[in-house]
C-alpha atoms as a PDB file:
ATOM      1  CA  MET A   1      14.344  -2.774  -8.525  1.00  0.00           C
ATOM      2  CA  ASN A   2      11.869  -5.068  -6.822  1.00  0.00           C
ATOM      3  CA  VAL A   3       8.730  -4.312  -4.851  1.00  0.00           C
ATOM      4  CA  GLY A   4      10.093  -5.720  -1.587  1.00  0.00           C
ATOM      5  CA  SER A   5      12.906  -3.177  -1.541  1.00  0.00           C
ATOM      6  CA  ILE A   6      10.521  -0.223  -1.895  1.00  0.00           C
ATOM      7  CA  CYS A   7       7.345  -1.124  -0.009  1.00  0.00           C
ATOM      8  CA  LYS A   8       6.592  -0.199   3.578  1.00  0.00           C
ATOM      9  CA  HIS A   9       6.891  -3.218   5.845  1.00  0.00           C
ATOM     10  CA  GLN A  10       4.920  -1.690   8.705  1.00  0.00           C
ATOM     11  CA  VAL A  11       1.355  -2.541   7.708  1.00  0.00           C
ATOM     12  CA  VAL A  12      -1.846  -1.613   9.503  1.00  0.00           C
ATOM     13  CA  THR A  13      -4.227  -4.559   9.413  1.00  0.00           C
ATOM     14  CA  ILE A  14      -7.619  -5.622  10.682  1.00  0.00           C
ATOM     15  CA  THR A  15      -9.568  -8.867  10.527  1.00  0.00           C
ATOM     16  CA  PRO A  16     -12.801  -9.387   8.586  1.00  0.00           C
ATOM     17  CA  GLY A  17     -14.853  -9.284  11.803  1.00  0.00           C
ATOM     18  CA  THR A  18     -13.615  -5.828  12.841  1.00  0.00           C
ATOM     19  CA  ASP A  19     -16.535  -3.397  13.040  1.00  0.00           C
ATOM     20  CA  LEU A  20     -16.284  -0.282  10.900  1.00  0.00           C
ATOM     21  CA  VAL A  21     -16.122   2.126  13.822  1.00  0.00           C
ATOM     22  CA  ALA A  22     -13.078   0.258  15.152  1.00  0.00           C
ATOM     23  CA  ALA A  23     -11.589   0.230  11.640  1.00  0.00           C
ATOM     24  CA  ALA A  24     -12.053   3.990  11.320  1.00  0.00           C
ATOM     25  CA  GLU A  25     -10.547   4.531  14.774  1.00  0.00           C
ATOM     26  CA  ARG A  26      -7.546   2.417  13.777  1.00  0.00           C
ATOM     27  CA  MET A  27      -7.097   4.520  10.635  1.00  0.00           C
ATOM     28  CA  ARG A  28      -7.189   7.703  12.711  1.00  0.00           C
ATOM     29  CA  GLU A  29      -4.778   6.363  15.346  1.00  0.00           C
ATOM     30  CA  GLN A  30      -2.287   5.102  12.745  1.00  0.00           C
ATOM     31  CA  HIS A  31      -2.703   8.070  10.354  1.00  0.00           C
ATOM     32  CA  VAL A  32      -3.587   5.862   7.382  1.00  0.00           C
ATOM     33  CA  GLY A  33      -6.468   5.688   4.943  1.00  0.00           C
ATOM     34  CA  PHE A  34      -5.888   2.079   3.879  1.00  0.00           C
ATOM     35  CA  LEU A  35      -6.186  -1.125   5.872  1.00  0.00           C
ATOM     36  CA  VAL A  36      -5.329  -4.615   4.729  1.00  0.00           C
ATOM     37  CA  VAL A  37      -7.892  -7.119   5.940  1.00  0.00           C
ATOM     38  CA  VAL A  38      -6.145 -10.353   6.894  1.00  0.00           C
ATOM     39  CA  GLU A  39      -6.931 -13.833   8.061  1.00  0.00           C
ATOM     40  CA  PRO A  40      -4.363 -14.396  10.792  1.00  0.00           C
ATOM     41  CA  GLU A  41      -1.977 -17.298  10.249  1.00  0.00           C
ATOM     42  CA  PRO A  42       0.178 -18.860  12.956  1.00  0.00           C
ATOM     43  CA  ASN A  43       3.866 -17.924  12.916  1.00  0.00           C
ATOM     44  CA  THR A  44       3.410 -14.958  10.576  1.00  0.00           C
ATOM     45  CA  PRO A  45       3.477 -11.291  11.531  1.00  0.00           C
ATOM     46  CA  TYR A  46       0.352 -10.319   9.601  1.00  0.00           C
ATOM     47  CA  GLY A  47      -1.418 -13.258   7.973  1.00  0.00           C
ATOM     48  CA  ARG A  48      -2.973 -13.722   4.553  1.00  0.00           C
ATOM     49  CA  PRO A  49      -4.609 -10.703   2.861  1.00  0.00           C
ATOM     50  CA  VAL A  50      -8.263 -11.331   2.043  1.00  0.00           C
ATOM     51  CA  GLY A  51      -9.383  -7.781   1.384  1.00  0.00           C
ATOM     52  CA  VAL A  52      -8.658  -4.075   1.616  1.00  0.00           C
ATOM     53  CA  LEU A  53     -10.637  -1.254   3.160  1.00  0.00           C
ATOM     54  CA  THR A  54     -10.158   2.473   2.602  1.00  0.00           C
ATOM     55  CA  ASP A  55     -11.402   5.552   4.379  1.00  0.00           C
ATOM     56  CA  ARG A  56     -13.153   6.426   1.125  1.00  0.00           C
ATOM     57  CA  ASP A  57     -15.010   3.091   1.191  1.00  0.00           C
ATOM     58  CA  ILE A  58     -16.363   3.950   4.633  1.00  0.00           C
ATOM     59  CA  VAL A  59     -17.361   7.496   3.702  1.00  0.00           C
ATOM     60  CA  VAL A  60     -18.962   6.724   0.335  1.00  0.00           C
ATOM     61  CA  SER A  61     -20.633   3.408   1.168  1.00  0.00           C
ATOM     62  CA  VAL A  62     -21.603   3.948   4.795  1.00  0.00           C
ATOM     63  CA  VAL A  63     -21.582   7.544   6.001  1.00  0.00           C
ATOM     64  CA  ALA A  64     -22.971   9.095   2.799  1.00  0.00           C
ATOM     65  CA  ARG A  65     -25.773   6.528   2.712  1.00  0.00           C
ATOM     66  CA  GLY A  66     -26.694   6.967   6.360  1.00  0.00           C
ATOM     67  CA  ALA A  67     -25.879   3.350   7.269  1.00  0.00           C
ATOM     68  CA  ASP A  68     -24.944   2.494  10.838  1.00  0.00           C
ATOM     69  CA  PRO A  69     -21.204   1.708  10.906  1.00  0.00           C
ATOM     70  CA  LYS A  70     -21.650  -0.061  14.253  1.00  0.00           C
ATOM     71  CA  GLN A  71     -23.759  -2.684  12.511  1.00  0.00           C
ATOM     72  CA  LEU A  72     -21.220  -3.411   9.757  1.00  0.00           C
ATOM     73  CA  THR A  73     -17.869  -5.184   9.711  1.00  0.00           C
ATOM     74  CA  ALA A  74     -14.862  -4.997   7.455  1.00  0.00           C
ATOM     75  CA  ALA A  75     -16.106  -8.142   5.705  1.00  0.00           C
ATOM     76  CA  ASP A  76     -19.299  -6.301   4.715  1.00  0.00           C
ATOM     77  CA  LEU A  77     -17.443  -3.512   2.950  1.00  0.00           C
ATOM     78  CA  MET A  78     -13.929  -4.664   2.016  1.00  0.00           C
ATOM     79  CA  LYS A  79     -12.817  -5.210  -1.540  1.00  0.00           C
ATOM     80  CA  GLN A  80     -12.327  -8.960  -1.579  1.00  0.00           C
ATOM     81  CA  TYR A  81      -9.487 -10.736  -3.352  1.00  0.00           C
ATOM     82  CA  PRO A  82      -7.358  -7.621  -3.726  1.00  0.00           C
ATOM     83  CA  ALA A  83      -4.701  -7.401  -6.376  1.00  0.00           C
ATOM     84  CA  VAL A  84      -1.347  -8.011  -4.709  1.00  0.00           C
ATOM     85  CA  ALA A  85       2.296  -7.731  -5.664  1.00  0.00           C
ATOM     86  CA  ASP A  86       4.875 -10.334  -4.798  1.00  0.00           C
ATOM     87  CA  GLU A  87       7.850  -8.853  -2.985  1.00  0.00           C
ATOM     88  CA  SER A  88      10.103 -10.220  -5.742  1.00  0.00           C
ATOM     89  CA  ASP A  89       8.080  -8.567  -8.546  1.00  0.00           C
ATOM     90  CA  ALA A  90       9.753  -5.873 -10.601  1.00  0.00           C
ATOM     91  CA  LEU A  91       8.465  -2.393  -9.803  1.00  0.00           C
ATOM     92  CA  GLU A  92       7.280  -2.009 -13.405  1.00  0.00           C
ATOM     93  CA  GLN A  93       5.041  -5.064 -13.052  1.00  0.00           C
ATOM     94  CA  ALA A  94       3.457  -3.703  -9.855  1.00  0.00           C
ATOM     95  CA  LEU A  95       2.864  -0.327 -11.512  1.00  0.00           C
ATOM     96  CA  ARG A  96       1.124  -2.014 -14.443  1.00  0.00           C
ATOM     97  CA  THR A  97      -1.124  -3.851 -11.975  1.00  0.00           C
ATOM     98  CA  MET A  98      -1.918  -0.613 -10.138  1.00  0.00           C
ATOM     99  CA  ARG A  99      -2.773   1.146 -13.396  1.00  0.00           C
ATOM    100  CA  ARG A 100      -4.906  -1.756 -14.653  1.00  0.00           C
ATOM    101  CA  MET A 101      -6.822  -2.006 -11.370  1.00  0.00           C
ATOM    102  CA  GLY A 102      -7.062   1.753 -10.799  1.00  0.00           C
ATOM    103  CA  VAL A 103      -5.548   1.567  -7.298  1.00  0.00           C
ATOM    104  CA  ARG A 104      -2.877   3.579  -5.512  1.00  0.00           C
ATOM    105  CA  ARG A 105      -1.816   0.846  -3.106  1.00  0.00           C
ATOM    106  CA  LEU A 106      -1.088  -2.866  -3.315  1.00  0.00           C
ATOM    107  CA  PRO A 107      -0.633  -5.350  -0.509  1.00  0.00           C
ATOM    108  CA  VAL A 108       2.729  -7.066  -0.906  1.00  0.00           C
ATOM    109  CA  VAL A 109       3.035 -10.777  -0.239  1.00  0.00           C
ATOM    110  CA  GLY A 110       5.930 -13.122   0.260  1.00  0.00           C
ATOM    111  CA  VAL A 111       6.222 -16.818   0.951  1.00  0.00           C
ATOM    112  CA  ALA A 112       2.924 -18.705   0.673  1.00  0.00           C
ATOM    113  CA  GLY A 113       0.997 -15.505   0.001  1.00  0.00           C
ATOM    114  CA  MET A 114       1.551 -14.029   3.470  1.00  0.00           C
ATOM    115  CA  LEU A 115       1.409 -10.246   3.810  1.00  0.00           C
ATOM    116  CA  THR A 116       4.819  -8.576   4.136  1.00  0.00           C
ATOM    117  CA  GLY A 117       4.106  -4.958   3.230  1.00  0.00           C
ATOM    118  CA  VAL A 118       2.191  -2.384   1.219  1.00  0.00           C
ATOM    119  CA  LEU A 119       3.376  -0.615  -1.914  1.00  0.00           C
ATOM    120  CA  ALA A 120       1.923   2.869  -2.350  1.00  0.00           C
ATOM    121  CA  LEU A 121       2.357   5.307  -5.198  1.00  0.00           C
ATOM    122  CA  ASP A 122       3.886   7.657  -2.615  1.00  0.00           C
ATOM    123  CA  ASP A 123       6.687   5.120  -2.076  1.00  0.00           C
ATOM    124  CA  VAL A 124       7.297   4.913  -5.810  1.00  0.00           C
ATOM    125  CA  LEU A 125       7.328   8.714  -6.154  1.00  0.00           C
ATOM    126  CA  ASP A 126       9.956   8.935  -3.388  1.00  0.00           C
ATOM    127  CA  VAL A 127      12.181   6.482  -5.265  1.00  0.00           C
ATOM    128  CA  VAL A 128      11.671   8.178  -8.632  1.00  0.00           C
ATOM    129  CA  ALA A 129      12.334  11.622  -7.123  1.00  0.00           C
ATOM    130  CA  GLY A 130      15.584  10.311  -5.653  1.00  0.00           C
ATOM    131  CA  GLU A 131      16.649   8.877  -8.992  1.00  0.00           C
ATOM    132  CA  ILE A 132      15.828  12.135 -10.770  1.00  0.00           C
ATOM    133  CA  GLY A 133      17.900  13.966  -8.152  1.00  0.00           C
ATOM    134  CA  ASP A 134      20.798  11.589  -8.863  1.00  0.00           C
ATOM    135  CA  LEU A 135      20.451  12.237 -12.604  1.00  0.00           C
ATOM    136  CA  SER A 136      20.420  16.003 -12.221  1.00  0.00           C
ATOM    137  CA  GLY A 137      23.388  15.766  -9.832  1.00  0.00           C
ATOM    138  CA  THR A 138      25.284  13.805 -12.446  1.00  0.00           C
ATOM    139  CA  VAL A 139      24.645  16.492 -15.060  1.00  0.00           C
ATOM    140  CA  ARG A 140      25.689  19.267 -12.649  1.00  0.00           C
ATOM    141  CA  ASN A 141      28.836  17.368 -11.678  1.00  0.00           C
ATOM    142  CA  GLU A 142      29.703  16.758 -15.334  1.00  0.00           C
ATOM    143  CA  GLN A 143      29.365  20.462 -16.036  1.00  0.00           C
ATOM    144  CA  ARG A 144      31.494  21.354 -12.987  1.00  0.00           C
ATOM    145  CA  ILE A 145      34.263  18.955 -14.020  1.00  0.00           C
ATOM    146  CA  GLU A 146      34.161  20.195 -17.611  1.00  0.00           C
ATOM    147  CA  ASN A 147      34.469  23.826 -16.430  1.00  0.00           C
ATOM    148  CA  GLN A 148      37.483  22.912 -14.271  1.00  0.00           C
ATOM    149  CA  LEU A 149      39.241  21.294 -17.220  1.00  0.00           C
ATOM    150  CA  ARG A 150      38.889  24.373 -19.467  1.00  0.00           C
END
């Protein structure tokens, strides 16, 4: 199973020059806590990922310190050079990267490093839960068939 088949392809992005109030508003409007910061590229839907910004970053580094979010941009706060997964990567490889980096989400890139999606642990849990359901269904079905044959 590869990352491209699991990740969400609807990604909420901002540019490095987006001020933090606008970034927070975008998070609220889109019901997300994670934004991929991109440098737009012609003829691509999203562009090239250059950073990531979380709601936690804003709270811990700006609000809790009393900084003025109107005076800061995504570039001031984003985690630069984020770990990414290629859409053709095996899921296991992406999970190892997430564990090593201590992150719950990875931007997913395709051709020439352009953003194509985001892989979140929630997406992986959905897939794993479905597979566990299939396994338990197989066991139940085996038992049902065996009972019918007796």
